[in-house]
Amino acid sequence: MKVEFDEDTCIGMFQCVAEWDAFEKDKSKGKAILADSEEVEDGVFVREVPDDAELDAKFAARSCPVDAIKIYDDDGEQLIP
């Protein structure tokens, strides 16, 4: 499973930070950041989700009010949103 985070879409509500510790606050930008991620295109960050964090990652994605977080299964199918 992987998570994709669009930093440009993020509005800094930080609800994802409360759901999964892979997300952190960047108060200087007023946005969340996805720790240990790789920027795959301008402002879009991706990382693998550890097996023991899958539920937390899904909650983080569902809690985002602007759908800046997407979850994909191992086959590349988008699960959330």
PDB file of N, CA and C in Angstrom:
ATOM      1  N   MET A   1       0.840  -1.164   0.000  1.00  0.00           N
ATOM      2  CA  MET A   1       0.000   0.000   0.000  1.00  0.00           C
ATOM      3  C   MET A   1       0.895   1.239   0.000  1.00  0.00           C
ATOM      4  N   LYS A   2       0.446   2.275  -0.721  1.00  0.00           N
ATOM      5  CA  LYS A   2       1.202   3.522  -0.696  1.00  0.00           C
ATOM      6  C   LYS A   2       0.271   4.702  -0.488  1.00  0.00           C
ATOM      7  N   VAL A   3       0.861   5.786  -0.026  1.00  0.00           N
ATOM      8  CA  VAL A   3       0.125   7.016   0.201  1.00  0.00           C
ATOM      9  C   VAL A   3       0.718   8.092  -0.697  1.00  0.00           C
ATOM     10  N   GLU A   4      -0.164   8.910  -1.249  1.00  0.00           N
ATOM     11  CA  GLU A   4       0.241  10.041  -2.074  1.00  0.00           C
ATOM     12  C   GLU A   4      -0.320  11.305  -1.428  1.00  0.00           C
ATOM     13  N   PHE A   5       0.530  12.291  -1.256  1.00  0.00           N
ATOM     14  CA  PHE A   5       0.144  13.531  -0.584  1.00  0.00           C
ATOM     15  C   PHE A   5       0.428  14.713  -1.497  1.00  0.00           C
ATOM     16  N   ASP A   6      -0.616  15.499  -1.779  1.00  0.00           N
ATOM     17  CA  ASP A   6      -0.489  16.688  -2.622  1.00  0.00           C
ATOM     18  C   ASP A   6      -0.373  17.910  -1.712  1.00  0.00           C
ATOM     19  N   GLU A   7       0.856  18.351  -1.531  1.00  0.00           N
ATOM     20  CA  GLU A   7       1.121  19.460  -0.612  1.00  0.00           C
ATOM     21  C   GLU A   7       0.453  20.749  -1.068  1.00  0.00           C
ATOM     22  N   ASP A   8       0.333  20.962  -2.368  1.00  0.00           N
ATOM     23  CA  ASP A   8      -0.292  22.189  -2.877  1.00  0.00           C
ATOM     24  C   ASP A   8      -1.781  22.242  -2.544  1.00  0.00           C
ATOM     25  N   THR A   9      -2.420  21.089  -2.479  1.00  0.00           N
ATOM     26  CA  THR A   9      -3.848  21.024  -2.152  1.00  0.00           C
ATOM     27  C   THR A   9      -4.090  21.207  -0.656  1.00  0.00           C
ATOM     28  N   CYS A  10      -3.124  20.834   0.152  1.00  0.00           N
ATOM     29  CA  CYS A  10      -3.235  20.909   1.616  1.00  0.00           C
ATOM     30  C   CYS A  10      -3.551  22.333   2.069  1.00  0.00           C
ATOM     31  N   ILE A  11      -4.508  22.464   3.002  1.00  0.00           N
ATOM     32  CA  ILE A  11      -4.870  23.778   3.539  1.00  0.00           C
ATOM     33  C   ILE A  11      -4.458  23.932   5.005  1.00  0.00           C
ATOM     34  N   GLY A  12      -3.714  22.976   5.522  1.00  0.00           N
ATOM     35  CA  GLY A  12      -3.149  23.111   6.856  1.00  0.00           C
ATOM     36  C   GLY A  12      -4.115  22.943   8.010  1.00  0.00           C
ATOM     37  N   MET A  13      -5.091  22.071   7.858  1.00  0.00           N
ATOM     38  CA  MET A  13      -5.996  21.784   8.976  1.00  0.00           C
ATOM     39  C   MET A  13      -5.355  20.801   9.957  1.00  0.00           C
ATOM     40  N   PHE A  14      -4.358  20.061   9.502  1.00  0.00           N
ATOM     41  CA  PHE A  14      -3.555  19.132  10.306  1.00  0.00           C
ATOM     42  C   PHE A  14      -4.343  17.986  10.925  1.00  0.00           C
ATOM     43  N   GLN A  15      -5.498  17.658  10.358  1.00  0.00           N
ATOM     44  CA  GLN A  15      -6.260  16.517  10.863  1.00  0.00           C
ATOM     45  C   GLN A  15      -5.504  15.213  10.606  1.00  0.00           C
ATOM     46  N   CYS A  16      -4.743  15.176   9.528  1.00  0.00           N
ATOM     47  CA  CYS A  16      -3.949  13.978   9.217  1.00  0.00           C
ATOM     48  C   CYS A  16      -2.873  13.744  10.270  1.00  0.00           C
ATOM     49  N   VAL A  17      -2.336  14.827  10.814  1.00  0.00           N
ATOM     50  CA  VAL A  17      -1.286  14.726  11.836  1.00  0.00           C
ATOM     51  C   VAL A  17      -1.814  14.002  13.068  1.00  0.00           C
ATOM     52  N   ALA A  18      -3.067  14.236  13.391  1.00  0.00           N
ATOM     53  CA  ALA A  18      -3.684  13.588  14.548  1.00  0.00           C
ATOM     54  C   ALA A  18      -3.959  12.105  14.298  1.00  0.00           C
ATOM     55  N   GLU A  19      -4.077  11.727  13.019  1.00  0.00           N
ATOM     56  CA  GLU A  19      -4.432  10.346  12.681  1.00  0.00           C
ATOM     57  C   GLU A  19      -3.240   9.431  12.436  1.00  0.00           C
ATOM     58  N   TRP A  20      -2.137   9.979  11.880  1.00  0.00           N
ATOM     59  CA  TRP A  20      -0.993   9.130  11.536  1.00  0.00           C
ATOM     60  C   TRP A  20       0.286   9.918  11.755  1.00  0.00           C
ATOM     61  N   ASP A  21       1.226   9.338  12.485  1.00  0.00           N
ATOM     62  CA  ASP A  21       2.449  10.055  12.838  1.00  0.00           C
ATOM     63  C   ASP A  21       3.413  10.249  11.667  1.00  0.00           C
ATOM     64  N   ALA A  22       3.083   9.734  10.488  1.00  0.00           N
ATOM     65  CA  ALA A  22       3.901  10.001   9.300  1.00  0.00           C
ATOM     66  C   ALA A  22       3.679  11.421   8.792  1.00  0.00           C
ATOM     67  N   PHE A  23       2.572  12.022   9.202  1.00  0.00           N
ATOM     68  CA  PHE A  23       2.308  13.416   8.850  1.00  0.00           C
ATOM     69  C   PHE A  23       2.748  14.315   9.998  1.00  0.00           C
ATOM     70  N   GLU A  24       3.390  15.405   9.638  1.00  0.00           N
ATOM     71  CA  GLU A  24       3.897  16.360  10.627  1.00  0.00           C
ATOM     72  C   GLU A  24       3.477  17.767  10.227  1.00  0.00           C
ATOM     73  N   LYS A  25       3.440  18.653  11.200  1.00  0.00           N
ATOM     74  CA  LYS A  25       3.109  20.050  10.930  1.00  0.00           C
ATOM     75  C   LYS A  25       4.344  20.798  10.441  1.00  0.00           C
ATOM     76  N   ASP A  26       4.169  21.581   9.394  1.00  0.00           N
ATOM     77  CA  ASP A  26       5.197  22.519   8.946  1.00  0.00           C
ATOM     78  C   ASP A  26       4.578  23.905   9.109  1.00  0.00           C
ATOM     79  N   LYS A  27       4.746  24.471  10.290  1.00  0.00           N
ATOM     80  CA  LYS A  27       4.100  25.743  10.595  1.00  0.00           C
ATOM     81  C   LYS A  27       4.608  26.886   9.734  1.00  0.00           C
ATOM     82  N   SER A  28       5.847  26.791   9.255  1.00  0.00           N
ATOM     83  CA  SER A  28       6.374  27.861   8.405  1.00  0.00           C
ATOM     84  C   SER A  28       5.632  27.924   7.065  1.00  0.00           C
ATOM     85  N   LYS A  29       5.195  26.777   6.563  1.00  0.00           N
ATOM     86  CA  LYS A  29       4.426  26.728   5.317  1.00  0.00           C
ATOM     87  C   LYS A  29       2.925  26.744   5.569  1.00  0.00           C
ATOM     88  N   GLY A  30       2.534  26.407   6.805  1.00  0.00           N
ATOM     89  CA  GLY A  30       1.112  26.295   7.107  1.00  0.00           C
ATOM     90  C   GLY A  30       0.484  25.070   6.476  1.00  0.00           C
ATOM     91  N   LYS A  31       1.299  24.026   6.305  1.00  0.00           N
ATOM     92  CA  LYS A  31       0.828  22.804   5.671  1.00  0.00           C
ATOM     93  C   LYS A  31       1.399  21.600   6.403  1.00  0.00           C
ATOM     94  N   ALA A  32       0.814  20.452   6.140  1.00  0.00           N
ATOM     95  CA  ALA A  32       1.369  19.200   6.654  1.00  0.00           C
ATOM     96  C   ALA A  32       2.481  18.750   5.710  1.00  0.00           C
ATOM     97  N   ILE A  33       3.353  17.896   6.225  1.00  0.00           N
ATOM     98  CA  ILE A  33       4.351  17.246   5.386  1.00  0.00           C
ATOM     99  C   ILE A  33       4.295  15.747   5.657  1.00  0.00           C
ATOM    100  N   LEU A  34       4.648  14.981   4.647  1.00  0.00           N
ATOM    101  CA  LEU A  34       4.664  13.529   4.756  1.00  0.00           C
ATOM    102  C   LEU A  34       6.109  13.091   4.945  1.00  0.00           C
ATOM    103  N   ALA A  35       6.426  12.645   6.152  1.00  0.00           N
ATOM    104  CA  ALA A  35       7.797  12.247   6.489  1.00  0.00           C
ATOM    105  C   ALA A  35       8.237  11.036   5.659  1.00  0.00           C
ATOM    106  N   ASP A  36       9.529  10.971   5.392  1.00  0.00           N
ATOM    107  CA  ASP A  36      10.137   9.844   4.677  1.00  0.00           C
ATOM    108  C   ASP A  36       9.502   9.590   3.312  1.00  0.00           C
ATOM    109  N   SER A  37       9.086  10.667   2.651  1.00  0.00           N
ATOM    110  CA  SER A  37       8.458  10.519   1.344  1.00  0.00           C
ATOM    111  C   SER A  37       9.384  11.028   0.248  1.00  0.00           C
ATOM    112  N   GLU A  38       9.025  10.687  -0.969  1.00  0.00           N
ATOM    113  CA  GLU A  38       9.778  11.106  -2.146  1.00  0.00           C
ATOM    114  C   GLU A  38       8.877  11.986  -3.010  1.00  0.00           C
ATOM    115  N   GLU A  39       9.408  13.111  -3.456  1.00  0.00           N
ATOM    116  CA  GLU A  39       8.637  14.000  -4.328  1.00  0.00           C
ATOM    117  C   GLU A  39       8.674  13.410  -5.736  1.00  0.00           C
ATOM    118  N   VAL A  40       7.501  12.988  -6.239  1.00  0.00           N
ATOM    119  CA  VAL A  40       7.432  12.334  -7.545  1.00  0.00           C
ATOM    120  C   VAL A  40       7.086  13.306  -8.661  1.00  0.00           C
ATOM    121  N   GLU A  41       6.476  14.404  -8.304  1.00  0.00           N
ATOM    122  CA  GLU A  41       6.251  15.521  -9.204  1.00  0.00           C
ATOM    123  C   GLU A  41       6.089  16.753  -8.332  1.00  0.00           C
ATOM    124  N   ASP A  42       6.029  17.905  -8.931  1.00  0.00           N
ATOM    125  CA  ASP A  42       6.034  19.140  -8.171  1.00  0.00           C
ATOM    126  C   ASP A  42       4.920  19.166  -7.114  1.00  0.00           C
ATOM    127  N   GLY A  43       5.304  19.114  -5.837  1.00  0.00           N
ATOM    128  CA  GLY A  43       4.359  19.196  -4.738  1.00  0.00           C
ATOM    129  C   GLY A  43       3.626  17.915  -4.396  1.00  0.00           C
ATOM    130  N   VAL A  44       3.954  16.818  -5.062  1.00  0.00           N
ATOM    131  CA  VAL A  44       3.289  15.535  -4.806  1.00  0.00           C
ATOM    132  C   VAL A  44       4.319  14.557  -4.237  1.00  0.00           C
ATOM    133  N   PHE A  45       4.010  14.043  -3.042  1.00  0.00           N
ATOM    134  CA  PHE A  45       4.932  13.186  -2.308  1.00  0.00           C
ATOM    135  C   PHE A  45       4.326  11.805  -2.113  1.00  0.00           C
ATOM    136  N   VAL A  46       5.158  10.770  -2.222  1.00  0.00           N
ATOM    137  CA  VAL A  46       4.686   9.388  -2.125  1.00  0.00           C
ATOM    138  C   VAL A  46       5.597   8.611  -1.189  1.00  0.00           C
ATOM    139  N   ARG A  47       5.005   7.675  -0.462  1.00  0.00           N
ATOM    140  CA  ARG A  47       5.781   6.733   0.347  1.00  0.00           C
ATOM    141  C   ARG A  47       4.976   5.465   0.550  1.00  0.00           C
ATOM    142  N   GLU A  48       5.695   4.409   0.862  1.00  0.00           N
ATOM    143  CA  GLU A  48       5.055   3.142   1.198  1.00  0.00           C
ATOM    144  C   GLU A  48       4.441   3.261   2.601  1.00  0.00           C
ATOM    145  N   VAL A  49       3.354   2.532   2.810  1.00  0.00           N
ATOM    146  CA  VAL A  49       2.709   2.486   4.115  1.00  0.00           C
ATOM    147  C   VAL A  49       3.089   1.167   4.773  1.00  0.00           C
ATOM    148  N   PRO A  50       3.723   1.210   5.936  1.00  0.00           N
ATOM    149  CA  PRO A  50       4.035  -0.047   6.633  1.00  0.00           C
ATOM    150  C   PRO A  50       2.758  -0.816   6.965  1.00  0.00           C
ATOM    151  N   ASP A  51       2.857  -2.137   6.970  1.00  0.00           N
ATOM    152  CA  ASP A  51       1.681  -2.973   7.238  1.00  0.00           C
ATOM    153  C   ASP A  51       0.981  -2.596   8.533  1.00  0.00           C
ATOM    154  N   ASP A  52       1.755  -2.264   9.551  1.00  0.00           N
ATOM    155  CA  ASP A  52       1.148  -1.951  10.844  1.00  0.00           C
ATOM    156  C   ASP A  52       0.577  -0.532  10.911  1.00  0.00           C
ATOM    157  N   ALA A  53       0.683   0.236   9.826  1.00  0.00           N
ATOM    158  CA  ALA A  53       0.162   1.611   9.814  1.00  0.00           C
ATOM    159  C   ALA A  53      -0.949   1.810   8.784  1.00  0.00           C
ATOM    160  N   GLU A  54      -1.392   0.731   8.161  1.00  0.00           N
ATOM    161  CA  GLU A  54      -2.393   0.873   7.102  1.00  0.00           C
ATOM    162  C   GLU A  54      -3.684   1.528   7.587  1.00  0.00           C
ATOM    163  N   LEU A  55      -4.160   1.132   8.738  1.00  0.00           N
ATOM    164  CA  LEU A  55      -5.397   1.716   9.259  1.00  0.00           C
ATOM    165  C   LEU A  55      -5.213   3.207   9.554  1.00  0.00           C
ATOM    166  N   ASP A  56      -4.082   3.564  10.161  1.00  0.00           N
ATOM    167  CA  ASP A  56      -3.806   4.971  10.457  1.00  0.00           C
ATOM    168  C   ASP A  56      -3.723   5.797   9.173  1.00  0.00           C
ATOM    169  N   ALA A  57      -3.088   5.253   8.154  1.00  0.00           N
ATOM    170  CA  ALA A  57      -2.968   5.961   6.879  1.00  0.00           C
ATOM    171  C   ALA A  57      -4.343   6.193   6.255  1.00  0.00           C
ATOM    172  N   LYS A  58      -5.198   5.183   6.337  1.00  0.00           N
ATOM    173  CA  LYS A  58      -6.556   5.327   5.797  1.00  0.00           C
ATOM    174  C   LYS A  58      -7.339   6.387   6.561  1.00  0.00           C
ATOM    175  N   PHE A  59      -7.211   6.402   7.883  1.00  0.00           N
ATOM    176  CA  PHE A  59      -7.887   7.430   8.681  1.00  0.00           C
ATOM    177  C   PHE A  59      -7.372   8.816   8.327  1.00  0.00           C
ATOM    178  N   ALA A  60      -6.062   8.943   8.131  1.00  0.00           N
ATOM    179  CA  ALA A  60      -5.480  10.235   7.761  1.00  0.00           C
ATOM    180  C   ALA A  60      -6.060  10.727   6.440  1.00  0.00           C
ATOM    181  N   ALA A  61      -6.158   9.831   5.473  1.00  0.00           N
ATOM    182  CA  ALA A  61      -6.705  10.210   4.165  1.00  0.00           C
ATOM    183  C   ALA A  61      -8.169  10.596   4.271  1.00  0.00           C
ATOM    184  N   ARG A  62      -8.914   9.835   5.042  1.00  0.00           N
ATOM    185  CA  ARG A  62     -10.349  10.145   5.185  1.00  0.00           C
ATOM    186  C   ARG A  62     -10.591  11.434   5.967  1.00  0.00           C
ATOM    187  N   SER A  63      -9.651  11.800   6.822  1.00  0.00           N
ATOM    188  CA  SER A  63      -9.847  13.001   7.641  1.00  0.00           C
ATOM    189  C   SER A  63      -9.509  14.283   6.901  1.00  0.00           C
ATOM    190  N   CYS A  64      -8.832  14.178   5.761  1.00  0.00           N
ATOM    191  CA  CYS A  64      -8.427  15.379   5.028  1.00  0.00           C
ATOM    192  C   CYS A  64      -9.640  16.046   4.379  1.00  0.00           C
ATOM    193  N   PRO A  65      -9.917  17.309   4.736  1.00  0.00           N
ATOM    194  CA  PRO A  65     -11.124  17.964   4.215  1.00  0.00           C
ATOM    195  C   PRO A  65     -11.035  18.337   2.735  1.00  0.00           C
ATOM    196  N   VAL A  66      -9.835  18.317   2.158  1.00  0.00           N
ATOM    197  CA  VAL A  66      -9.679  18.705   0.755  1.00  0.00           C
ATOM    198  C   VAL A  66      -9.140  17.566  -0.115  1.00  0.00           C
ATOM    199  N   ASP A  67      -9.144  16.359   0.413  1.00  0.00           N
ATOM    200  CA  ASP A  67      -8.698  15.166  -0.322  1.00  0.00           C
ATOM    201  C   ASP A  67      -7.283  15.314  -0.886  1.00  0.00           C
ATOM    202  N   ALA A  68      -6.385  15.853  -0.082  1.00  0.00           N
ATOM    203  CA  ALA A  68      -4.981  15.992  -0.495  1.00  0.00           C
ATOM    204  C   ALA A  68      -4.205  14.693  -0.320  1.00  0.00           C
ATOM    205  N   ILE A  69      -4.832  13.689   0.310  1.00  0.00           N
ATOM    206  CA  ILE A  69      -4.179  12.412   0.595  1.00  0.00           C
ATOM    207  C   ILE A  69      -4.935  11.296  -0.123  1.00  0.00           C
ATOM    208  N   LYS A  70      -4.188  10.514  -0.896  1.00  0.00           N
ATOM    209  CA  LYS A  70      -4.778   9.381  -1.604  1.00  0.00           C
ATOM    210  C   LYS A  70      -4.061   8.114  -1.158  1.00  0.00           C
ATOM    211  N   ILE A  71      -4.828   7.038  -1.045  1.00  0.00           N
ATOM    212  CA  ILE A  71      -4.294   5.738  -0.670  1.00  0.00           C
ATOM    213  C   ILE A  71      -4.491   4.787  -1.849  1.00  0.00           C
ATOM    214  N   TYR A  72      -3.414   4.068  -2.187  1.00  0.00           N
ATOM    215  CA  TYR A  72      -3.435   3.086  -3.266  1.00  0.00           C
ATOM    216  C   TYR A  72      -3.053   1.717  -2.710  1.00  0.00           C
ATOM    217  N   ASP A  73      -3.706   0.674  -3.230  1.00  0.00           N
ATOM    218  CA  ASP A  73      -3.333  -0.676  -2.817  1.00  0.00           C
ATOM    219  C   ASP A  73      -2.083  -1.113  -3.581  1.00  0.00           C
ATOM    220  N   ASP A  74      -1.625  -2.323  -3.320  1.00  0.00           N
ATOM    221  CA  ASP A  74      -0.393  -2.813  -3.919  1.00  0.00           C
ATOM    222  C   ASP A  74      -0.491  -2.990  -5.437  1.00  0.00           C
ATOM    223  N   ASP A  75      -1.714  -3.053  -5.959  1.00  0.00           N
ATOM    224  CA  ASP A  75      -1.911  -3.170  -7.405  1.00  0.00           C
ATOM    225  C   ASP A  75      -2.038  -1.816  -8.084  1.00  0.00           C
ATOM    226  N   GLY A  76      -1.961  -0.738  -7.291  1.00  0.00           N
ATOM    227  CA  GLY A  76      -2.067   0.609  -7.859  1.00  0.00           C
ATOM    228  C   GLY A  76      -3.482   1.137  -7.948  1.00  0.00           C
ATOM    229  N   GLU A  77      -4.447   0.390  -7.403  1.00  0.00           N
ATOM    230  CA  GLU A  77      -5.837   0.838  -7.434  1.00  0.00           C
ATOM    231  C   GLU A  77      -6.067   1.835  -6.307  1.00  0.00           C
ATOM    232  N   GLN A  78      -6.694   2.960  -6.649  1.00  0.00           N
ATOM    233  CA  GLN A  78      -6.959   3.996  -5.640  1.00  0.00           C
ATOM    234  C   GLN A  78      -8.092   3.536  -4.727  1.00  0.00           C
ATOM    235  N   LEU A  79      -7.806   3.563  -3.416  1.00  0.00           N
ATOM    236  CA  LEU A  79      -8.795   3.135  -2.421  1.00  0.00           C
ATOM    237  C   LEU A  79      -9.494   4.326  -1.786  1.00  0.00           C
ATOM    238  N   ILE A  80      -8.751   5.383  -1.495  1.00  0.00           N
ATOM    239  CA  ILE A  80      -9.272   6.567  -0.803  1.00  0.00           C
ATOM    240  C   ILE A  80      -8.661   7.793  -1.449  1.00  0.00           C
ATOM    241  N   PRO A  81      -9.335   8.873  -1.689  1.00  0.00           N
ATOM    242  CA  PRO A  81     -10.799   8.997  -1.650  1.00  0.00           C
ATOM    243  C   PRO A  81     -11.422   8.351  -2.847  1.00  0.00           C
TER     244      PRO A  81
END
